[in-house]
Every structure is written in structure tokens, then in C-alpha cells.
Amino acid sequence: MRVAFSSRTMPLSMPMAPSDEPILPLMNALTSQEIETPCIKVCVIDPETGFCVGCGRTRGEIGGWLGMTSADRLQIMAALPERVSTLTLRKRRKGGRRGRLGIE
């Protein structure tokens, strides 16, 4: 098979998987295992603390979550309720009617 790029043609070679190995199980290897996660799909990082407003994890913890052991994940999850509660205590809502009128 050849694919045309401008005036030249280049051979297109696709790696082929051996016919005896199914591709789908390889692609879904991570999703087939249940991994505990505190994620609630509200992914916003607080710039002051570096914690996610939804789950309380840091960006490093979020990024490395799948590579952590179950014990590491459980240790982090034990600290999350305190993190999230301090996030909400530090923040004051700035919008709404009070924000527009300058009422404190």
C-alpha cells in the first residue's frame, strides 16, 4: 500500500499482530482490573494548595495513580477527607448577588 504525500509516494507499513494473540485483551489490560479511585470527575486543581477540588489528590498523585500499589492508594485515600475539608474552609464564594453588590 502506498500513501501519497504531495508529489512523492511513501510505502506505508503497518505492524501486524500475530494471529494467535487477540488484540482486544491487550488494549483493555488496565481497564479489566478494578482500581479503587476517589475521582468524582470534578477535575480542577486549586492553585493555592495544588489539590484537586473534586478528590483532594495532587497532580502527581493523579498522574501516578495507576502505577501505585493498592497500599499506597489506600494511604493517600485516608488523607483525602481532611484535604477536601480544608479546601472548602479556605474558599469563599465570590460570585452571585453578594459578589455583584460587594456585600461581605
N, C-alpha and C. Protein backbone atom coordinates (compact mmCIF):
# COMPACT_ATOMS: atom_id res chain seq x y z
N MET A 1 0.85 -1.17 0.00
CA MET A 1 0.00 0.00 0.00
C MET A 1 0.89 1.23 0.00
N ARG A 2 0.53 2.24 -0.76
CA ARG A 2 1.28 3.48 -0.83
C ARG A 2 0.34 4.64 -0.51
N VAL A 3 0.88 5.62 0.20
CA VAL A 3 0.12 6.81 0.53
C VAL A 3 0.80 7.99 -0.12
N ALA A 4 0.05 8.84 -0.77
CA ALA A 4 0.63 9.98 -1.49
C ALA A 4 0.76 11.17 -0.56
N PHE A 5 1.94 11.75 -0.49
CA PHE A 5 2.21 12.99 0.21
C PHE A 5 2.79 13.95 -0.81
N SER A 6 2.12 15.01 -1.11
CA SER A 6 2.48 15.98 -2.15
C SER A 6 2.79 15.23 -3.44
N SER A 7 4.00 15.38 -3.99
CA SER A 7 4.30 14.73 -5.26
C SER A 7 5.01 13.40 -5.08
N ARG A 8 5.36 13.03 -3.86
CA ARG A 8 6.08 11.77 -3.61
C ARG A 8 5.14 10.74 -3.06
N THR A 9 5.52 9.51 -3.18
CA THR A 9 4.77 8.43 -2.52
C THR A 9 5.70 7.71 -1.57
N MET A 10 5.15 7.28 -0.46
CA MET A 10 5.93 6.59 0.56
C MET A 10 5.26 5.27 0.86
N PRO A 11 6.05 4.23 1.07
CA PRO A 11 5.42 2.95 1.45
C PRO A 11 4.84 3.06 2.86
N LEU A 12 3.69 2.51 3.05
CA LEU A 12 3.02 2.52 4.35
C LEU A 12 3.05 1.10 4.88
N SER A 13 3.77 0.91 5.96
CA SER A 13 3.82 -0.43 6.54
C SER A 13 3.21 -0.38 7.93
N MET A 14 2.33 -1.28 8.20
CA MET A 14 1.66 -1.36 9.48
C MET A 14 2.13 -2.62 10.18
N PRO A 15 2.54 -2.52 11.45
CA PRO A 15 2.93 -3.74 12.16
C PRO A 15 1.71 -4.64 12.34
N MET A 16 1.92 -5.88 12.11
CA MET A 16 0.83 -6.85 12.23
C MET A 16 1.02 -7.66 13.51
N ALA A 17 -0.07 -7.86 14.21
CA ALA A 17 -0.03 -8.68 15.41
C ALA A 17 -0.10 -10.15 15.00
N PRO A 18 0.57 -11.01 15.73
CA PRO A 18 0.44 -12.43 15.42
C PRO A 18 -1.02 -12.85 15.51
N SER A 19 -1.43 -13.72 14.63
CA SER A 19 -2.84 -14.08 14.56
C SER A 19 -3.33 -14.86 15.79
N ASP A 20 -2.41 -15.46 16.53
CA ASP A 20 -2.85 -16.23 17.69
C ASP A 20 -3.01 -15.37 18.94
N GLU A 21 -2.63 -14.08 18.91
CA GLU A 21 -2.78 -13.19 20.06
C GLU A 21 -3.91 -12.21 19.81
N PRO A 22 -4.97 -12.25 20.59
CA PRO A 22 -6.05 -11.29 20.40
C PRO A 22 -5.61 -9.89 20.83
N ILE A 23 -6.00 -8.90 20.08
CA ILE A 23 -5.60 -7.52 20.37
C ILE A 23 -6.44 -6.92 21.50
N LEU A 24 -7.74 -7.17 21.51
CA LEU A 24 -8.63 -6.53 22.46
C LEU A 24 -8.21 -6.74 23.92
N PRO A 25 -7.88 -7.94 24.37
CA PRO A 25 -7.45 -8.08 25.77
C PRO A 25 -6.19 -7.28 26.08
N LEU A 26 -5.30 -7.11 25.11
CA LEU A 26 -4.10 -6.32 25.36
C LEU A 26 -4.45 -4.85 25.53
N MET A 27 -5.39 -4.36 24.74
CA MET A 27 -5.78 -2.96 24.81
C MET A 27 -6.53 -2.65 26.11
N ASN A 28 -7.26 -3.61 26.62
CA ASN A 28 -8.08 -3.39 27.81
C ASN A 28 -7.44 -3.95 29.07
N ALA A 29 -6.14 -4.15 29.07
CA ALA A 29 -5.47 -4.76 30.22
C ALA A 29 -5.68 -3.94 31.49
N LEU A 30 -5.57 -2.61 31.40
CA LEU A 30 -5.73 -1.79 32.60
C LEU A 30 -7.18 -1.65 33.01
N THR A 31 -8.09 -1.65 32.05
CA THR A 31 -9.48 -1.46 32.40
C THR A 31 -10.14 -2.74 32.90
N SER A 32 -9.52 -3.88 32.67
CA SER A 32 -10.15 -5.12 33.11
C SER A 32 -10.01 -5.32 34.61
N GLN A 33 -9.04 -4.66 35.24
CA GLN A 33 -8.87 -4.78 36.68
C GLN A 33 -9.59 -3.62 37.37
N GLU A 34 -10.21 -3.90 38.47
CA GLU A 34 -10.86 -2.86 39.24
C GLU A 34 -9.80 -2.13 40.06
N ILE A 35 -9.74 -0.81 39.92
CA ILE A 35 -8.79 0.00 40.68
C ILE A 35 -9.59 1.01 41.48
N GLU A 36 -9.38 1.01 42.80
CA GLU A 36 -10.10 1.95 43.66
C GLU A 36 -9.61 3.36 43.36
N THR A 37 -10.54 4.29 43.29
CA THR A 37 -10.20 5.67 43.00
C THR A 37 -11.18 6.62 43.69
N PRO A 38 -10.69 7.74 44.19
CA PRO A 38 -11.58 8.72 44.80
C PRO A 38 -12.13 9.73 43.79
N CYS A 39 -11.81 9.57 42.52
CA CYS A 39 -12.19 10.53 41.49
C CYS A 39 -13.71 10.63 41.39
N ILE A 40 -14.21 11.88 41.38
CA ILE A 40 -15.65 12.12 41.20
C ILE A 40 -15.90 12.90 39.91
N LYS A 41 -14.89 12.94 39.04
CA LYS A 41 -14.98 13.59 37.73
C LYS A 41 -15.19 15.10 37.83
N VAL A 42 -14.67 15.72 38.89
CA VAL A 42 -14.64 17.17 39.03
C VAL A 42 -13.16 17.53 39.14
N CYS A 43 -12.49 17.59 38.01
CA CYS A 43 -11.04 17.72 37.98
C CYS A 43 -10.62 19.17 37.82
N VAL A 44 -10.44 19.86 38.94
CA VAL A 44 -9.98 21.24 38.96
C VAL A 44 -8.93 21.34 40.05
N ILE A 45 -7.72 21.79 39.68
CA ILE A 45 -6.64 21.91 40.65
C ILE A 45 -6.68 23.30 41.29
N ASP A 46 -6.73 23.33 42.61
CA ASP A 46 -6.69 24.59 43.35
C ASP A 46 -5.28 25.15 43.26
N PRO A 47 -5.09 26.36 42.73
CA PRO A 47 -3.73 26.88 42.54
C PRO A 47 -2.99 27.16 43.85
N GLU A 48 -3.70 27.42 44.92
CA GLU A 48 -3.04 27.72 46.20
C GLU A 48 -2.48 26.47 46.88
N THR A 49 -3.23 25.39 46.84
CA THR A 49 -2.81 24.17 47.56
C THR A 49 -2.24 23.10 46.64
N GLY A 50 -2.63 23.11 45.36
CA GLY A 50 -2.21 22.07 44.44
C GLY A 50 -3.07 20.81 44.53
N PHE A 51 -4.16 20.87 45.29
CA PHE A 51 -5.06 19.74 45.44
C PHE A 51 -6.21 19.85 44.45
N CYS A 52 -6.70 18.70 43.97
CA CYS A 52 -7.88 18.67 43.12
C CYS A 52 -9.09 19.02 43.98
N VAL A 53 -9.93 19.90 43.49
CA VAL A 53 -11.11 20.31 44.25
C VAL A 53 -12.10 19.15 44.39
N GLY A 54 -12.13 18.26 43.41
CA GLY A 54 -13.07 17.14 43.45
C GLY A 54 -12.66 16.03 44.38
N CYS A 55 -11.40 15.57 44.25
CA CYS A 55 -11.00 14.39 45.03
C CYS A 55 -9.94 14.67 46.09
N GLY A 56 -9.23 15.78 45.99
CA GLY A 56 -8.24 16.13 47.00
C GLY A 56 -6.82 15.68 46.69
N ARG A 57 -6.62 14.96 45.57
CA ARG A 57 -5.27 14.50 45.24
C ARG A 57 -4.46 15.59 44.56
N THR A 58 -3.14 15.44 44.60
CA THR A 58 -2.26 16.34 43.87
C THR A 58 -2.15 15.87 42.42
N ARG A 59 -1.60 16.72 41.56
CA ARG A 59 -1.43 16.30 40.16
C ARG A 59 -0.50 15.09 40.06
N GLY A 60 0.53 15.04 40.88
CA GLY A 60 1.44 13.90 40.88
C GLY A 60 0.76 12.61 41.30
N GLU A 61 -0.11 12.72 42.29
CA GLU A 61 -0.85 11.54 42.75
C GLU A 61 -1.85 11.08 41.69
N ILE A 62 -2.49 12.03 41.03
CA ILE A 62 -3.44 11.67 39.97
C ILE A 62 -2.71 10.99 38.82
N GLY A 63 -1.58 11.58 38.41
CA GLY A 63 -0.83 11.04 37.28
C GLY A 63 -0.22 9.68 37.56
N GLY A 64 0.19 9.43 38.80
CA GLY A 64 0.83 8.17 39.13
C GLY A 64 -0.10 7.12 39.70
N TRP A 65 -1.40 7.41 39.73
CA TRP A 65 -2.37 6.55 40.41
C TRP A 65 -2.36 5.12 39.92
N LEU A 66 -2.34 4.91 38.61
CA LEU A 66 -2.39 3.54 38.08
C LEU A 66 -1.12 2.76 38.37
N GLY A 67 0.00 3.45 38.57
CA GLY A 67 1.26 2.77 38.85
C GLY A 67 1.50 2.49 40.32
N MET A 68 0.63 3.00 41.19
CA MET A 68 0.80 2.81 42.64
C MET A 68 0.28 1.44 43.07
N THR A 69 0.81 1.00 44.18
CA THR A 69 0.29 -0.23 44.77
C THR A 69 -1.04 0.08 45.46
N SER A 70 -1.79 -0.94 45.74
CA SER A 70 -3.06 -0.77 46.43
C SER A 70 -2.85 -0.14 47.81
N ALA A 71 -1.78 -0.52 48.49
CA ALA A 71 -1.49 0.04 49.81
C ALA A 71 -1.19 1.53 49.72
N ASP A 72 -0.44 1.95 48.69
CA ASP A 72 -0.15 3.37 48.51
C ASP A 72 -1.42 4.16 48.24
N ARG A 73 -2.29 3.61 47.39
CA ARG A 73 -3.55 4.29 47.08
C ARG A 73 -4.42 4.42 48.32
N LEU A 74 -4.49 3.37 49.13
CA LEU A 74 -5.30 3.42 50.35
C LEU A 74 -4.75 4.44 51.34
N GLN A 75 -3.43 4.55 51.43
CA GLN A 75 -2.81 5.53 52.33
C GLN A 75 -3.17 6.95 51.89
N ILE A 76 -3.12 7.21 50.61
CA ILE A 76 -3.48 8.54 50.10
C ILE A 76 -4.96 8.80 50.33
N MET A 77 -5.80 7.80 50.04
CA MET A 77 -7.24 7.99 50.20
C MET A 77 -7.63 8.25 51.66
N ALA A 78 -6.85 7.76 52.60
CA ALA A 78 -7.14 8.01 54.01
C ALA A 78 -6.95 9.48 54.37
N ALA A 79 -6.06 10.18 53.67
CA ALA A 79 -5.78 11.59 53.95
C ALA A 79 -6.70 12.53 53.19
N LEU A 80 -7.44 12.04 52.23
CA LEU A 80 -8.23 12.91 51.36
C LEU A 80 -9.38 13.65 52.04
N PRO A 81 -10.15 13.04 52.94
CA PRO A 81 -11.24 13.80 53.56
C PRO A 81 -10.76 15.07 54.26
N GLU A 82 -9.63 15.01 54.93
CA GLU A 82 -9.10 16.19 55.60
C GLU A 82 -8.67 17.25 54.58
N ARG A 83 -8.03 16.80 53.50
CA ARG A 83 -7.62 17.73 52.45
C ARG A 83 -8.81 18.46 51.85
N VAL A 84 -9.85 17.71 51.50
CA VAL A 84 -11.02 18.31 50.87
C VAL A 84 -11.72 19.26 51.83
N SER A 85 -11.81 18.91 53.11
CA SER A 85 -12.48 19.79 54.07
C SER A 85 -11.71 21.09 54.25
N THR A 86 -10.38 21.04 54.21
CA THR A 86 -9.61 22.29 54.33
C THR A 86 -9.73 23.13 53.06
N LEU A 87 -9.91 22.50 51.93
CA LEU A 87 -10.12 23.25 50.69
C LEU A 87 -11.38 24.09 50.78
N THR A 88 -12.46 23.50 51.27
CA THR A 88 -13.72 24.22 51.33
C THR A 88 -13.72 25.27 52.43
N LEU A 89 -12.93 25.09 53.48
CA LEU A 89 -12.87 26.09 54.55
C LEU A 89 -12.13 27.35 54.10
N ARG A 90 -11.13 27.19 53.25
CA ARG A 90 -10.32 28.33 52.82
C ARG A 90 -11.00 29.19 51.76
N LYS A 91 -11.94 28.64 51.06
CA LYS A 91 -12.54 29.33 49.93
C LYS A 91 -13.84 30.02 50.33
N ARG A 92 -14.00 31.23 49.84
CA ARG A 92 -15.26 31.93 50.00
C ARG A 92 -15.83 32.15 48.61
N ARG A 93 -17.07 31.99 48.48
CA ARG A 93 -17.70 32.20 47.18
C ARG A 93 -17.65 33.67 46.83
N LYS A 94 -17.22 33.97 45.60
CA LYS A 94 -17.05 35.36 45.18
C LYS A 94 -18.15 35.81 44.23
N GLY A 95 -18.94 34.88 43.75
CA GLY A 95 -19.95 35.23 42.75
C GLY A 95 -21.31 35.44 43.36
N GLY A 96 -22.30 35.41 42.51
CA GLY A 96 -23.68 35.57 42.96
C GLY A 96 -24.01 37.01 43.27
N ARG A 97 -25.13 37.20 43.88
CA ARG A 97 -25.63 38.56 44.19
C ARG A 97 -24.69 39.30 45.13
N ARG A 98 -24.21 38.60 46.16
CA ARG A 98 -23.30 39.25 47.11
C ARG A 98 -22.03 39.75 46.43
N GLY A 99 -21.50 38.96 45.50
CA GLY A 99 -20.32 39.37 44.78
C GLY A 99 -20.55 40.57 43.90
N ARG A 100 -21.69 40.61 43.24
CA ARG A 100 -22.01 41.75 42.37
C ARG A 100 -22.22 43.03 43.16
N LEU A 101 -22.83 42.90 44.33
CA LEU A 101 -23.12 44.08 45.14
C LEU A 101 -21.98 44.45 46.09
N GLY A 102 -20.97 43.62 46.20
CA GLY A 102 -19.86 43.92 47.08
C GLY A 102 -20.16 43.69 48.54
N ILE A 103 -21.15 42.86 48.84
CA ILE A 103 -21.54 42.57 50.22
C ILE A 103 -20.66 41.45 50.74
N GLU A 104 -20.15 41.62 51.96
CA GLU A 104 -19.30 40.57 52.53
C GLU A 104 -20.01 39.76 53.55
